[in-house]
């Protein structure tokens, strides 16, 4: 068993769009994310994308189109020297009460089964409280990034967070994988 780094897609790796990422033409990588994915490429961890894509359930794009976008993102990251090992998506609308849509942990649990992952040694990086809740439900530590919806989500959260906060994926990677740094 090995640890994983779970990553939300929109707002962490690529720019979030209010009208959804509907095609490859809508994909704009966050520069710090590409750099971060290069840094972690040689590490002995699985890098897994877990993304809610309600645009499929709403009929805006098809499941095939969403999976193609994910495949293109994985290919592009890998071609730029980064690494993503797998990408999972939830195609359901929030009102469908599925087990895979974050904040439920279904995608993380499925990835753990399929990739022999040790969740207790894994991390989730996302830009939404739903990402943090999915991680918590799966027994995974988490970091909220301020990119995408992260700044707004953190401001609205209030209270004492159980998760760490980073400016972007690059800073999150530095927090997680620097030898002198230990997160609790």
N, C-alpha and C. Protein backbone atom coordinates (compact mmCIF):
# COMPACT_ATOMS: atom_id res chain seq x y z
N UNK A 1 0.84 -1.19 0.00
CA UNK A 1 0.00 0.00 0.00
C UNK A 1 0.88 1.25 0.00
N UNK A 2 0.42 2.25 -0.72
CA UNK A 2 1.18 3.49 -0.76
C UNK A 2 0.25 4.68 -0.54
N UNK A 3 0.81 5.79 -0.13
CA UNK A 3 -0.03 6.98 0.07
C UNK A 3 -0.42 7.61 -1.26
N UNK A 4 -1.43 8.47 -1.17
CA UNK A 4 -1.88 9.18 -2.37
C UNK A 4 -1.96 10.67 -2.09
N UNK A 5 -1.86 11.41 -3.14
CA UNK A 5 -2.18 12.83 -3.13
C UNK A 5 -3.42 12.96 -4.01
N UNK A 6 -4.56 13.24 -3.37
CA UNK A 6 -5.81 13.46 -4.09
C UNK A 6 -5.91 14.94 -4.42
N UNK A 7 -6.28 15.24 -5.64
CA UNK A 7 -6.38 16.63 -6.08
C UNK A 7 -7.75 16.89 -6.70
N UNK A 8 -8.39 17.96 -6.27
CA UNK A 8 -9.55 18.44 -7.00
C UNK A 8 -9.03 19.00 -8.32
N UNK A 9 -9.87 19.08 -9.31
CA UNK A 9 -9.43 19.55 -10.63
C UNK A 9 -9.62 21.05 -10.81
N UNK A 10 -10.87 21.49 -10.86
CA UNK A 10 -11.19 22.89 -11.14
C UNK A 10 -10.88 23.76 -9.92
N UNK A 11 -10.04 24.75 -10.13
CA UNK A 11 -9.64 25.63 -9.04
C UNK A 11 -8.34 25.21 -8.36
N UNK A 12 -7.86 24.01 -8.67
CA UNK A 12 -6.60 23.51 -8.09
C UNK A 12 -5.57 23.30 -9.20
N UNK A 13 -5.96 22.57 -10.25
CA UNK A 13 -5.07 22.29 -11.38
C UNK A 13 -5.38 23.24 -12.55
N UNK A 14 -6.67 23.40 -12.81
CA UNK A 14 -7.09 24.31 -13.89
C UNK A 14 -7.99 25.40 -13.30
N UNK A 15 -8.13 26.47 -14.05
CA UNK A 15 -8.97 27.58 -13.60
C UNK A 15 -10.43 27.13 -13.51
N UNK A 16 -11.09 27.58 -12.46
CA UNK A 16 -12.51 27.33 -12.28
C UNK A 16 -13.30 28.23 -13.22
N UNK A 17 -14.40 27.74 -13.77
CA UNK A 17 -15.27 28.53 -14.64
C UNK A 17 -16.69 28.48 -14.10
N UNK A 18 -17.31 29.63 -13.98
CA UNK A 18 -18.69 29.67 -13.50
C UNK A 18 -19.65 28.94 -14.44
N UNK A 19 -19.33 28.91 -15.73
CA UNK A 19 -20.19 28.25 -16.71
C UNK A 19 -19.68 26.86 -17.10
N UNK A 20 -18.85 26.27 -16.27
CA UNK A 20 -18.31 24.91 -16.43
C UNK A 20 -17.25 24.81 -17.53
N UNK A 21 -16.35 23.89 -17.32
CA UNK A 21 -15.38 23.51 -18.35
C UNK A 21 -16.14 22.55 -19.26
N UNK A 22 -16.42 23.01 -20.47
CA UNK A 22 -17.26 22.25 -21.40
C UNK A 22 -16.47 21.57 -22.51
N UNK A 23 -15.22 22.02 -22.72
CA UNK A 23 -14.40 21.46 -23.78
C UNK A 23 -12.93 21.73 -23.45
N UNK A 24 -12.06 21.13 -24.24
CA UNK A 24 -10.63 21.35 -24.06
C UNK A 24 -10.28 22.83 -24.23
N UNK A 25 -11.00 23.53 -25.07
CA UNK A 25 -10.75 24.96 -25.29
C UNK A 25 -10.99 25.79 -24.02
N UNK A 26 -11.79 25.27 -23.09
CA UNK A 26 -12.07 25.97 -21.83
C UNK A 26 -11.01 25.73 -20.75
N UNK A 27 -10.08 24.83 -21.00
CA UNK A 27 -9.08 24.47 -20.00
C UNK A 27 -7.96 25.50 -19.98
N UNK A 28 -7.72 26.07 -18.80
CA UNK A 28 -6.60 26.99 -18.58
C UNK A 28 -5.89 26.52 -17.32
N UNK A 29 -4.67 26.05 -17.48
CA UNK A 29 -3.92 25.54 -16.33
C UNK A 29 -3.48 26.67 -15.41
N UNK A 30 -3.51 26.40 -14.12
CA UNK A 30 -2.96 27.31 -13.13
C UNK A 30 -1.45 27.08 -13.15
N UNK A 31 -0.64 28.09 -13.48
CA UNK A 31 0.81 27.86 -13.64
C UNK A 31 1.48 27.20 -12.43
N UNK A 32 1.13 27.60 -11.23
CA UNK A 32 1.73 27.00 -10.04
C UNK A 32 1.39 25.51 -9.92
N UNK A 33 0.25 25.11 -10.49
CA UNK A 33 -0.15 23.71 -10.43
C UNK A 33 0.76 22.84 -11.30
N UNK A 34 1.06 23.31 -12.49
CA UNK A 34 1.96 22.55 -13.36
C UNK A 34 3.32 22.38 -12.69
N UNK A 35 3.82 23.45 -12.12
CA UNK A 35 5.10 23.38 -11.41
C UNK A 35 5.03 22.39 -10.26
N UNK A 36 3.95 22.41 -9.49
CA UNK A 36 3.78 21.49 -8.37
C UNK A 36 3.73 20.05 -8.83
N UNK A 37 3.04 19.79 -9.93
CA UNK A 37 2.93 18.43 -10.44
C UNK A 37 4.26 17.92 -10.99
N UNK A 38 5.14 18.82 -11.39
CA UNK A 38 6.51 18.43 -11.77
C UNK A 38 7.31 18.03 -10.53
N UNK A 39 7.12 18.79 -9.46
CA UNK A 39 7.86 18.52 -8.21
C UNK A 39 7.50 17.15 -7.65
N UNK A 40 6.23 16.79 -7.70
CA UNK A 40 5.82 15.52 -7.09
C UNK A 40 5.96 14.32 -8.02
N UNK A 41 6.21 14.57 -9.31
CA UNK A 41 6.29 13.47 -10.28
C UNK A 41 7.23 12.34 -9.84
N UNK A 42 8.42 12.63 -9.31
CA UNK A 42 9.31 11.52 -8.95
C UNK A 42 9.03 10.87 -7.59
N UNK A 43 8.10 11.41 -6.82
CA UNK A 43 7.85 10.88 -5.48
C UNK A 43 7.06 9.58 -5.53
N UNK A 44 7.25 8.75 -4.51
CA UNK A 44 6.59 7.45 -4.43
C UNK A 44 5.20 7.61 -3.81
N UNK A 45 4.34 8.32 -4.52
CA UNK A 45 2.94 8.51 -4.12
C UNK A 45 2.08 8.39 -5.36
N UNK A 46 0.83 8.03 -5.17
CA UNK A 46 -0.11 8.04 -6.28
C UNK A 46 -0.74 9.43 -6.35
N UNK A 47 -0.86 9.96 -7.54
CA UNK A 47 -1.47 11.27 -7.74
C UNK A 47 -2.81 11.03 -8.44
N UNK A 48 -3.88 11.34 -7.72
CA UNK A 48 -5.23 11.00 -8.18
C UNK A 48 -6.11 12.25 -8.20
N UNK A 49 -6.72 12.53 -9.33
CA UNK A 49 -7.68 13.63 -9.44
C UNK A 49 -9.06 13.10 -9.10
N UNK A 50 -9.79 13.84 -8.26
CA UNK A 50 -11.18 13.51 -7.91
C UNK A 50 -12.00 14.78 -8.10
N UNK A 51 -12.93 14.76 -9.05
CA UNK A 51 -13.63 15.98 -9.43
C UNK A 51 -15.13 15.77 -9.58
N UNK A 52 -15.89 16.66 -8.98
CA UNK A 52 -17.34 16.71 -9.21
C UNK A 52 -17.58 17.39 -10.54
N UNK A 53 -18.41 16.80 -11.39
CA UNK A 53 -18.73 17.38 -12.69
C UNK A 53 -20.24 17.31 -12.91
N UNK A 54 -20.97 18.15 -12.16
CA UNK A 54 -22.43 18.19 -12.26
C UNK A 54 -22.89 18.59 -13.65
N UNK A 55 -22.01 19.19 -14.44
CA UNK A 55 -22.39 19.57 -15.81
C UNK A 55 -22.82 18.36 -16.63
N UNK A 56 -22.34 17.17 -16.26
CA UNK A 56 -22.77 15.95 -16.95
C UNK A 56 -24.21 15.64 -16.56
N UNK A 57 -24.48 15.60 -15.26
CA UNK A 57 -25.83 15.31 -14.79
C UNK A 57 -26.85 16.34 -15.22
N UNK A 58 -26.39 17.55 -15.44
CA UNK A 58 -27.29 18.63 -15.89
C UNK A 58 -27.48 18.62 -17.41
N UNK A 59 -26.79 17.73 -18.11
CA UNK A 59 -26.94 17.62 -19.56
C UNK A 59 -26.19 18.67 -20.35
N UNK A 60 -25.25 19.36 -19.72
CA UNK A 60 -24.48 20.41 -20.41
C UNK A 60 -23.42 19.78 -21.31
N UNK A 61 -22.76 18.74 -20.80
CA UNK A 61 -21.83 17.93 -21.60
C UNK A 61 -22.12 16.47 -21.30
N UNK A 62 -21.63 15.59 -22.15
CA UNK A 62 -21.82 14.16 -21.94
C UNK A 62 -20.72 13.61 -21.03
N UNK A 63 -20.95 12.41 -20.50
CA UNK A 63 -19.93 11.75 -19.70
C UNK A 63 -18.68 11.51 -20.54
N UNK A 64 -18.85 11.11 -21.79
CA UNK A 64 -17.68 10.91 -22.67
C UNK A 64 -16.88 12.19 -22.84
N UNK A 65 -17.57 13.32 -23.00
CA UNK A 65 -16.87 14.60 -23.14
C UNK A 65 -16.11 14.94 -21.85
N UNK A 66 -16.72 14.72 -20.70
CA UNK A 66 -16.05 15.00 -19.42
C UNK A 66 -14.83 14.11 -19.24
N UNK A 67 -14.97 12.84 -19.57
CA UNK A 67 -13.83 11.91 -19.45
C UNK A 67 -12.73 12.27 -20.44
N UNK A 68 -13.09 12.74 -21.61
CA UNK A 68 -12.09 13.16 -22.59
C UNK A 68 -11.32 14.38 -22.08
N UNK A 69 -12.02 15.33 -21.49
CA UNK A 69 -11.35 16.50 -20.92
C UNK A 69 -10.36 16.06 -19.85
N UNK A 70 -10.79 15.16 -18.96
CA UNK A 70 -9.88 14.66 -17.92
C UNK A 70 -8.66 13.97 -18.54
N UNK A 71 -8.90 13.14 -19.54
CA UNK A 71 -7.79 12.43 -20.20
C UNK A 71 -6.81 13.42 -20.83
N UNK A 72 -7.33 14.48 -21.44
CA UNK A 72 -6.47 15.50 -22.04
C UNK A 72 -5.67 16.24 -20.97
N UNK A 73 -6.28 16.52 -19.84
CA UNK A 73 -5.57 17.18 -18.74
C UNK A 73 -4.44 16.29 -18.24
N UNK A 74 -4.73 15.01 -18.03
CA UNK A 74 -3.70 14.06 -17.58
C UNK A 74 -2.56 14.01 -18.59
N UNK A 75 -2.91 13.88 -19.87
CA UNK A 75 -1.88 13.81 -20.92
C UNK A 75 -1.02 15.08 -20.93
N UNK A 76 -1.66 16.24 -20.87
CA UNK A 76 -0.93 17.51 -20.92
C UNK A 76 0.00 17.66 -19.72
N UNK A 77 -0.50 17.33 -18.53
CA UNK A 77 0.34 17.40 -17.32
C UNK A 77 1.55 16.48 -17.48
N UNK A 78 1.32 15.26 -17.92
CA UNK A 78 2.41 14.30 -18.09
C UNK A 78 3.40 14.77 -19.16
N UNK A 79 2.90 15.37 -20.24
CA UNK A 79 3.79 15.88 -21.29
C UNK A 79 4.63 17.06 -20.80
N UNK A 80 4.12 17.81 -19.84
CA UNK A 80 4.85 18.95 -19.27
C UNK A 80 5.76 18.54 -18.12
N UNK A 81 5.93 17.25 -17.89
CA UNK A 81 6.85 16.77 -16.87
C UNK A 81 6.23 16.53 -15.51
N UNK A 82 4.93 16.70 -15.40
CA UNK A 82 4.23 16.39 -14.16
C UNK A 82 3.73 14.97 -14.20
N UNK A 83 2.89 14.64 -13.22
CA UNK A 83 2.33 13.28 -13.20
C UNK A 83 0.97 13.28 -12.54
N UNK A 84 0.01 12.66 -13.22
CA UNK A 84 -1.28 12.30 -12.65
C UNK A 84 -1.48 10.84 -13.01
N UNK A 85 -1.73 10.00 -12.01
CA UNK A 85 -1.85 8.56 -12.24
C UNK A 85 -3.26 8.12 -12.63
N UNK A 86 -4.26 8.84 -12.15
CA UNK A 86 -5.65 8.48 -12.46
C UNK A 86 -6.54 9.69 -12.22
N UNK A 87 -7.69 9.68 -12.88
CA UNK A 87 -8.67 10.75 -12.69
C UNK A 87 -10.06 10.13 -12.54
N UNK A 88 -10.74 10.51 -11.48
CA UNK A 88 -12.10 10.04 -11.21
C UNK A 88 -13.02 11.24 -11.27
N UNK A 89 -14.23 11.02 -11.75
CA UNK A 89 -15.20 12.10 -11.74
C UNK A 89 -16.56 11.59 -11.30
N UNK A 90 -17.28 12.48 -10.63
CA UNK A 90 -18.67 12.23 -10.27
C UNK A 90 -19.52 13.02 -11.25
N UNK A 91 -20.36 12.33 -12.04
CA UNK A 91 -21.17 13.02 -13.03
C UNK A 91 -22.53 13.49 -12.51
N UNK A 92 -22.80 13.28 -11.23
CA UNK A 92 -24.14 13.52 -10.69
C UNK A 92 -24.38 14.96 -10.27
N UNK A 93 -25.63 15.35 -10.30
CA UNK A 93 -26.05 16.65 -9.76
C UNK A 93 -26.08 16.54 -8.24
N UNK A 94 -25.99 17.66 -7.54
CA UNK A 94 -26.03 17.64 -6.07
C UNK A 94 -27.30 17.00 -5.51
N UNK A 95 -28.42 17.13 -6.18
CA UNK A 95 -29.68 16.59 -5.68
C UNK A 95 -29.85 15.09 -5.90
N UNK A 96 -28.89 14.44 -6.54
CA UNK A 96 -29.02 13.01 -6.84
C UNK A 96 -28.60 12.10 -5.68
N UNK A 97 -28.01 12.64 -4.65
CA UNK A 97 -27.64 11.87 -3.44
C UNK A 97 -26.84 10.61 -3.75
N UNK A 98 -25.86 10.72 -4.62
CA UNK A 98 -24.98 9.59 -4.92
C UNK A 98 -23.93 9.44 -3.81
N UNK A 99 -23.16 8.38 -3.87
CA UNK A 99 -22.11 8.18 -2.87
C UNK A 99 -20.75 8.71 -3.33
N UNK A 100 -20.68 9.17 -4.58
CA UNK A 100 -19.38 9.61 -5.10
C UNK A 100 -19.19 11.12 -5.08
N UNK A 101 -20.26 11.88 -5.05
CA UNK A 101 -20.13 13.34 -5.12
C UNK A 101 -19.59 13.88 -3.80
N UNK A 102 -18.47 14.63 -3.90
CA UNK A 102 -17.94 15.26 -2.70
C UNK A 102 -18.99 16.23 -2.16
N UNK A 103 -19.29 16.23 -0.90
CA UNK A 103 -18.46 15.89 0.24
C UNK A 103 -18.45 14.42 0.65
N UNK A 104 -19.16 13.56 -0.06
CA UNK A 104 -19.08 12.13 0.27
C UNK A 104 -17.73 11.60 -0.24
N UNK A 105 -17.23 10.56 0.40
CA UNK A 105 -15.88 10.08 0.08
C UNK A 105 -15.79 9.02 -1.01
N UNK A 106 -16.85 8.79 -1.75
CA UNK A 106 -16.89 7.67 -2.69
C UNK A 106 -15.74 7.59 -3.68
N UNK A 107 -15.37 8.71 -4.28
CA UNK A 107 -14.27 8.67 -5.27
C UNK A 107 -12.94 8.32 -4.60
N UNK A 108 -12.70 8.84 -3.40
CA UNK A 108 -11.46 8.55 -2.69
C UNK A 108 -11.41 7.08 -2.29
N UNK A 109 -12.54 6.56 -1.81
CA UNK A 109 -12.59 5.15 -1.40
C UNK A 109 -12.43 4.22 -2.59
N UNK A 110 -13.05 4.56 -3.70
CA UNK A 110 -12.89 3.75 -4.92
C UNK A 110 -11.44 3.75 -5.39
N UNK A 111 -10.83 4.92 -5.42
CA UNK A 111 -9.42 5.01 -5.82
C UNK A 111 -8.54 4.19 -4.88
N UNK A 112 -8.84 4.23 -3.60
CA UNK A 112 -8.04 3.47 -2.62
C UNK A 112 -8.13 1.97 -2.91
N UNK A 113 -9.32 1.49 -3.23
CA UNK A 113 -9.49 0.07 -3.56
C UNK A 113 -8.75 -0.28 -4.85
N UNK A 114 -8.93 0.54 -5.86
CA UNK A 114 -8.39 0.22 -7.19
C UNK A 114 -6.88 0.42 -7.30
N UNK A 115 -6.30 1.24 -6.43
CA UNK A 115 -4.87 1.53 -6.51
C UNK A 115 -4.10 1.10 -5.27
N UNK A 116 -4.75 0.37 -4.38
CA UNK A 116 -4.11 -0.14 -3.16
C UNK A 116 -3.45 0.99 -2.37
N UNK A 117 -4.27 1.98 -1.99
CA UNK A 117 -3.78 3.18 -1.32
C UNK A 117 -4.00 3.11 0.18
N UNK A 118 -3.11 3.71 0.91
CA UNK A 118 -3.22 3.81 2.36
C UNK A 118 -3.77 5.20 2.69
N UNK A 119 -5.06 5.28 2.96
CA UNK A 119 -5.72 6.56 3.15
C UNK A 119 -5.19 7.32 4.36
N UNK A 120 -4.81 6.62 5.41
CA UNK A 120 -4.33 7.30 6.62
C UNK A 120 -3.01 8.04 6.40
N UNK A 121 -2.33 7.76 5.30
CA UNK A 121 -1.08 8.44 4.98
C UNK A 121 -1.24 9.33 3.74
N UNK A 122 -2.47 9.58 3.35
CA UNK A 122 -2.75 10.33 2.14
C UNK A 122 -3.22 11.74 2.46
N UNK A 123 -3.22 12.58 1.41
CA UNK A 123 -3.64 13.98 1.53
C UNK A 123 -4.58 14.33 0.40
N UNK A 124 -5.44 15.29 0.67
CA UNK A 124 -6.35 15.85 -0.34
C UNK A 124 -6.09 17.33 -0.43
N UNK A 125 -5.96 17.85 -1.65
CA UNK A 125 -5.83 19.29 -1.86
C UNK A 125 -7.01 19.72 -2.71
N UNK A 126 -7.78 20.68 -2.18
CA UNK A 126 -8.95 21.16 -2.90
C UNK A 126 -9.19 22.63 -2.64
N UNK A 127 -10.15 23.18 -3.37
CA UNK A 127 -10.48 24.60 -3.22
C UNK A 127 -11.87 24.81 -2.63
N UNK A 128 -12.46 23.76 -2.07
CA UNK A 128 -13.81 23.86 -1.53
C UNK A 128 -13.93 23.08 -0.22
N UNK A 129 -14.83 23.51 0.62
CA UNK A 129 -15.09 22.82 1.87
C UNK A 129 -15.60 21.41 1.60
N UNK A 130 -16.29 21.20 0.48
CA UNK A 130 -16.73 19.85 0.14
C UNK A 130 -15.54 18.91 -0.07
N UNK A 131 -14.43 19.44 -0.60
CA UNK A 131 -13.21 18.64 -0.75
C UNK A 131 -12.67 18.25 0.62
N UNK A 132 -12.67 19.21 1.53
CA UNK A 132 -12.16 18.97 2.89
C UNK A 132 -13.02 17.95 3.61
N UNK A 133 -14.33 18.02 3.44
CA UNK A 133 -15.25 17.09 4.09
C UNK A 133 -15.12 15.68 3.50
N UNK A 134 -14.92 15.57 2.19
CA UNK A 134 -14.71 14.26 1.58
C UNK A 134 -13.44 13.63 2.12
N UNK A 135 -12.38 14.42 2.23
CA UNK A 135 -11.13 13.92 2.79
C UNK A 135 -11.34 13.45 4.22
N UNK A 136 -11.98 14.28 5.02
CA UNK A 136 -12.22 13.93 6.43
C UNK A 136 -13.02 12.62 6.53
N UNK A 137 -14.04 12.47 5.71
CA UNK A 137 -14.87 11.26 5.73
C UNK A 137 -14.09 10.02 5.33
N UNK A 138 -13.05 10.19 4.52
CA UNK A 138 -12.23 9.06 4.07
C UNK A 138 -11.02 8.83 4.98
N UNK A 139 -10.84 9.67 5.99
CA UNK A 139 -9.68 9.52 6.88
C UNK A 139 -8.40 10.06 6.27
N UNK A 140 -8.54 11.07 5.42
CA UNK A 140 -7.42 11.67 4.70
C UNK A 140 -7.20 13.09 5.21
N UNK A 141 -5.95 13.49 5.42
CA UNK A 141 -5.65 14.86 5.80
C UNK A 141 -5.87 15.77 4.60
N UNK A 142 -6.09 17.07 4.85
CA UNK A 142 -6.44 17.94 3.73
C UNK A 142 -5.86 19.34 3.84
N UNK A 143 -5.73 19.95 2.66
CA UNK A 143 -5.27 21.34 2.54
C UNK A 143 -6.21 22.04 1.58
N UNK A 144 -6.71 23.19 2.01
CA UNK A 144 -7.53 24.05 1.15
C UNK A 144 -6.60 25.06 0.48
N UNK A 145 -6.68 25.15 -0.84
CA UNK A 145 -5.90 26.17 -1.55
C UNK A 145 -6.78 27.38 -1.80
N UNK A 146 -6.15 28.56 -1.84
CA UNK A 146 -6.88 29.81 -2.01
C UNK A 146 -7.18 30.12 -3.48
N UNK A 147 -6.70 29.29 -4.40
CA UNK A 147 -7.02 29.46 -5.81
C UNK A 147 -8.46 28.99 -6.05
N UNK A 148 -8.97 29.23 -7.24
CA UNK A 148 -10.35 28.81 -7.54
C UNK A 148 -11.33 29.46 -6.57
N UNK A 149 -12.14 28.63 -5.95
CA UNK A 149 -13.12 29.11 -4.97
C UNK A 149 -12.55 29.15 -3.56
N UNK A 150 -11.30 28.77 -3.38
CA UNK A 150 -10.73 28.58 -2.06
C UNK A 150 -10.78 29.77 -1.14
N UNK A 151 -10.42 30.94 -1.63
CA UNK A 151 -10.42 32.14 -0.79
C UNK A 151 -11.83 32.43 -0.28
N UNK A 152 -12.80 32.37 -1.18
CA UNK A 152 -14.20 32.62 -0.82
C UNK A 152 -14.73 31.54 0.13
N UNK A 153 -14.39 30.29 -0.13
CA UNK A 153 -14.84 29.19 0.72
C UNK A 153 -14.27 29.32 2.14
N UNK A 154 -12.99 29.66 2.22
CA UNK A 154 -12.36 29.79 3.53
C UNK A 154 -12.98 30.95 4.31
N UNK A 155 -13.21 32.07 3.64
CA UNK A 155 -13.81 33.23 4.30
C UNK A 155 -15.21 32.91 4.82
N UNK A 156 -15.97 32.12 4.08
CA UNK A 156 -17.33 31.77 4.48
C UNK A 156 -17.36 30.67 5.53
N UNK A 157 -16.26 29.94 5.67
CA UNK A 157 -16.22 28.78 6.58
C UNK A 157 -16.42 29.19 8.02
N UNK A 158 -15.66 30.18 8.47
CA UNK A 158 -15.75 30.59 9.87
C UNK A 158 -15.26 29.46 10.78
N UNK A 159 -15.11 29.74 12.03
CA UNK A 159 -14.70 28.71 12.96
C UNK A 159 -13.24 28.30 12.80
N UNK A 160 -12.88 27.29 13.53
CA UNK A 160 -11.50 26.78 13.52
C UNK A 160 -11.40 25.61 12.54
N UNK A 161 -10.64 25.75 11.46
CA UNK A 161 -10.58 24.66 10.48
C UNK A 161 -9.79 23.46 10.99
N UNK A 162 -10.17 22.30 10.53
CA UNK A 162 -9.46 21.06 10.81
C UNK A 162 -8.47 20.76 9.70
N UNK A 163 -8.38 21.65 8.73
CA UNK A 163 -7.52 21.48 7.57
C UNK A 163 -6.51 22.62 7.52
N UNK A 164 -5.44 22.40 6.77
CA UNK A 164 -4.45 23.45 6.55
C UNK A 164 -4.85 24.27 5.32
N UNK A 165 -4.22 25.44 5.17
CA UNK A 165 -4.54 26.34 4.07
C UNK A 165 -3.23 26.74 3.38
N UNK A 166 -3.26 26.75 2.04
CA UNK A 166 -2.10 27.15 1.23
C UNK A 166 -2.57 28.12 0.16
N UNK A 167 -1.66 28.93 -0.35
CA UNK A 167 -2.01 29.87 -1.41
C UNK A 167 -2.38 29.18 -2.71
N UNK A 168 -1.67 28.10 -3.04
CA UNK A 168 -1.90 27.37 -4.28
C UNK A 168 -1.33 25.97 -4.15
N UNK A 169 -1.46 25.18 -5.19
CA UNK A 169 -0.99 23.79 -5.15
C UNK A 169 0.51 23.72 -4.91
N UNK A 170 1.26 24.64 -5.49
CA UNK A 170 2.72 24.62 -5.29
C UNK A 170 3.06 24.79 -3.82
N UNK A 171 2.42 25.73 -3.13
CA UNK A 171 2.69 25.91 -1.70
C UNK A 171 2.21 24.69 -0.90
N UNK A 172 1.10 24.10 -1.29
CA UNK A 172 0.61 22.90 -0.61
C UNK A 172 1.62 21.77 -0.72
N UNK A 173 2.19 21.59 -1.92
CA UNK A 173 3.20 20.55 -2.12
C UNK A 173 4.43 20.83 -1.25
N UNK A 174 4.84 22.09 -1.18
CA UNK A 174 5.97 22.44 -0.31
C UNK A 174 5.65 22.10 1.15
N UNK A 175 4.44 22.36 1.59
CA UNK A 175 4.04 22.06 2.96
C UNK A 175 4.05 20.56 3.22
N UNK A 176 3.63 19.79 2.25
CA UNK A 176 3.49 18.34 2.42
C UNK A 176 4.79 17.57 2.26
N UNK A 177 5.61 17.95 1.30
CA UNK A 177 6.70 17.08 0.92
C UNK A 177 8.09 17.67 1.14
N UNK A 178 8.21 18.68 1.96
CA UNK A 178 9.54 19.15 2.37
C UNK A 178 9.97 18.31 3.54
N UNK A 179 11.18 17.76 3.53
CA UNK A 179 11.63 16.85 4.59
C UNK A 179 11.54 17.44 6.00
N UNK A 180 11.71 18.75 6.15
CA UNK A 180 11.71 19.34 7.48
C UNK A 180 10.33 19.73 7.96
N UNK A 181 9.30 19.53 7.12
CA UNK A 181 7.95 19.95 7.47
C UNK A 181 7.09 18.74 7.80
N UNK A 182 6.37 18.83 8.88
CA UNK A 182 5.44 17.79 9.25
C UNK A 182 4.09 18.42 9.54
N UNK A 183 3.07 17.96 8.88
CA UNK A 183 1.72 18.45 9.13
C UNK A 183 1.02 17.52 10.10
N UNK A 184 0.15 18.09 10.90
CA UNK A 184 -0.63 17.26 11.82
C UNK A 184 -2.04 17.14 11.35
